[in-house]
Amino acid sequence: MERKQVAFPVSTEEHAKIKALAAKQRRSIKQLFLDMLDKFYPGWDKDEKENGSK
């Protein structure tokens, strides 16, 4: 499977808050965002989960 990067600019303060939130929940920033997608867009990665590639 080919891997891609997702990036967007955030301020230093936003980055610190996101990093702290992820650390508080013992998750990576990536997992924090993927979990939010699961919560707000259920099934967004349905094809990926069915193929076992997540």
N, C-alpha and C. Protein backbone atom coordinates (compact mmCIF):
# COMPACT_ATOMS: atom_id res chain seq x y z
N MET A 1 0.85 -1.18 0.00
CA MET A 1 0.00 0.00 0.00
C MET A 1 0.89 1.24 0.00
N GLU A 2 0.60 2.13 -0.90
CA GLU A 2 1.33 3.40 -0.96
C GLU A 2 0.89 4.29 0.21
N ARG A 3 1.83 4.95 0.84
CA ARG A 3 1.55 5.84 1.98
C ARG A 3 1.59 7.29 1.50
N LYS A 4 0.73 8.11 2.04
CA LYS A 4 0.65 9.53 1.73
C LYS A 4 0.74 10.33 3.02
N GLN A 5 1.09 11.58 2.90
CA GLN A 5 1.15 12.50 4.04
C GLN A 5 -0.04 13.45 3.99
N VAL A 6 -0.56 13.80 5.13
CA VAL A 6 -1.59 14.83 5.26
C VAL A 6 -0.99 15.92 6.13
N ALA A 7 -0.97 17.14 5.62
CA ALA A 7 -0.37 18.23 6.37
C ALA A 7 -1.17 19.50 6.18
N PHE A 8 -1.23 20.30 7.23
CA PHE A 8 -1.85 21.61 7.15
C PHE A 8 -1.20 22.51 8.19
N PRO A 9 -1.13 23.79 7.90
CA PRO A 9 -0.45 24.70 8.84
C PRO A 9 -1.31 24.98 10.08
N VAL A 10 -0.63 25.02 11.22
CA VAL A 10 -1.25 25.42 12.48
C VAL A 10 -0.27 26.33 13.19
N SER A 11 -0.78 27.14 14.08
CA SER A 11 0.09 28.03 14.85
C SER A 11 0.87 27.21 15.88
N THR A 12 1.87 27.82 16.44
CA THR A 12 2.65 27.17 17.49
C THR A 12 1.75 26.80 18.67
N GLU A 13 0.84 27.70 19.01
CA GLU A 13 -0.07 27.47 20.13
C GLU A 13 -1.03 26.32 19.82
N GLU A 14 -1.58 26.30 18.61
CA GLU A 14 -2.49 25.21 18.23
C GLU A 14 -1.76 23.87 18.27
N HIS A 15 -0.54 23.84 17.75
CA HIS A 15 0.24 22.60 17.76
C HIS A 15 0.47 22.11 19.18
N ALA A 16 0.82 23.03 20.07
CA ALA A 16 1.07 22.66 21.46
C ALA A 16 -0.20 22.09 22.11
N LYS A 17 -1.34 22.70 21.83
CA LYS A 17 -2.61 22.23 22.40
C LYS A 17 -2.99 20.86 21.85
N ILE A 18 -2.81 20.66 20.55
CA ILE A 18 -3.12 19.37 19.93
C ILE A 18 -2.20 18.29 20.49
N LYS A 19 -0.93 18.60 20.58
CA LYS A 19 0.06 17.65 21.11
C LYS A 19 -0.25 17.28 22.55
N ALA A 20 -0.61 18.28 23.37
CA ALA A 20 -0.95 18.04 24.78
C ALA A 20 -2.21 17.18 24.89
N LEU A 21 -3.20 17.45 24.07
CA LEU A 21 -4.44 16.67 24.10
C LEU A 21 -4.15 15.21 23.74
N ALA A 22 -3.37 15.01 22.71
CA ALA A 22 -3.02 13.64 22.30
C ALA A 22 -2.26 12.94 23.43
N ALA A 23 -1.31 13.62 24.03
CA ALA A 23 -0.53 13.04 25.12
C ALA A 23 -1.42 12.70 26.32
N LYS A 24 -2.34 13.60 26.64
CA LYS A 24 -3.24 13.38 27.77
C LYS A 24 -4.07 12.12 27.56
N GLN A 25 -4.44 11.86 26.31
CA GLN A 25 -5.25 10.68 25.99
C GLN A 25 -4.40 9.48 25.60
N ARG A 26 -3.08 9.64 25.74
CA ARG A 26 -2.12 8.57 25.39
C ARG A 26 -2.32 8.06 23.97
N ARG A 27 -2.46 9.03 23.06
CA ARG A 27 -2.60 8.73 21.63
C ARG A 27 -1.60 9.57 20.87
N SER A 28 -1.31 9.14 19.67
CA SER A 28 -0.52 9.97 18.78
C SER A 28 -1.44 11.03 18.18
N ILE A 29 -0.86 12.07 17.62
CA ILE A 29 -1.67 13.08 16.94
C ILE A 29 -2.44 12.43 15.79
N LYS A 30 -1.77 11.53 15.07
CA LYS A 30 -2.44 10.82 13.98
C LYS A 30 -3.66 10.07 14.49
N GLN A 31 -3.50 9.30 15.58
CA GLN A 31 -4.62 8.53 16.10
C GLN A 31 -5.72 9.43 16.61
N LEU A 32 -5.36 10.56 17.21
CA LEU A 32 -6.35 11.53 17.68
C LEU A 32 -7.24 11.98 16.51
N PHE A 33 -6.62 12.34 15.40
CA PHE A 33 -7.39 12.80 14.24
C PHE A 33 -8.20 11.67 13.60
N LEU A 34 -7.61 10.47 13.51
CA LEU A 34 -8.37 9.35 12.94
C LEU A 34 -9.58 9.01 13.80
N ASP A 35 -9.40 9.06 15.13
CA ASP A 35 -10.53 8.80 16.03
C ASP A 35 -11.62 9.87 15.87
N MET A 36 -11.22 11.12 15.68
CA MET A 36 -12.21 12.18 15.46
C MET A 36 -12.97 11.95 14.16
N LEU A 37 -12.27 11.52 13.11
CA LEU A 37 -12.96 11.21 11.86
C LEU A 37 -13.96 10.08 12.06
N ASP A 38 -13.57 9.05 12.81
CA ASP A 38 -14.50 7.95 13.09
C ASP A 38 -15.74 8.46 13.82
N LYS A 39 -15.54 9.39 14.76
CA LYS A 39 -16.67 9.90 15.54
C LYS A 39 -17.61 10.76 14.71
N PHE A 40 -17.04 11.68 13.92
CA PHE A 40 -17.87 12.64 13.20
C PHE A 40 -18.27 12.18 11.80
N TYR A 41 -17.57 11.21 11.24
CA TYR A 41 -17.88 10.69 9.91
C TYR A 41 -17.82 9.16 9.94
N PRO A 42 -18.74 8.54 10.67
CA PRO A 42 -18.71 7.07 10.76
C PRO A 42 -18.71 6.44 9.37
N GLY A 43 -17.86 5.43 9.21
CA GLY A 43 -17.79 4.74 7.94
C GLY A 43 -16.91 5.40 6.90
N TRP A 44 -16.24 6.49 7.26
CA TRP A 44 -15.40 7.21 6.28
C TRP A 44 -14.33 6.31 5.68
N ASP A 45 -13.89 5.32 6.45
CA ASP A 45 -12.83 4.43 5.96
C ASP A 45 -13.32 2.99 5.83
N LYS A 46 -14.59 2.84 5.53
CA LYS A 46 -15.20 1.51 5.46
C LYS A 46 -14.42 0.57 4.57
N ASP A 47 -14.02 1.01 3.39
CA ASP A 47 -13.28 0.15 2.48
C ASP A 47 -11.95 -0.28 3.08
N GLU A 48 -11.27 0.65 3.77
CA GLU A 48 -9.98 0.33 4.39
C GLU A 48 -10.14 -0.73 5.48
N LYS A 49 -11.13 -0.56 6.35
CA LYS A 49 -11.32 -1.50 7.45
C LYS A 49 -11.70 -2.89 6.92
N GLU A 50 -12.51 -2.92 5.87
CA GLU A 50 -12.91 -4.22 5.32
C GLU A 50 -11.72 -4.95 4.72
N ASN A 51 -10.75 -4.20 4.18
CA ASN A 51 -9.58 -4.82 3.59
C ASN A 51 -8.46 -5.03 4.60
N GLY A 52 -8.67 -4.58 5.82
CA GLY A 52 -7.68 -4.75 6.87
C GLY A 52 -6.43 -3.92 6.70
N SER A 53 -6.52 -2.77 6.02
CA SER A 53 -5.33 -1.95 5.75
C SER A 53 -5.18 -0.75 6.65
N LYS A 54 -5.94 -0.63 7.70
CA LYS A 54 -5.83 0.56 8.55
C LYS A 54 -4.77 0.40 9.60
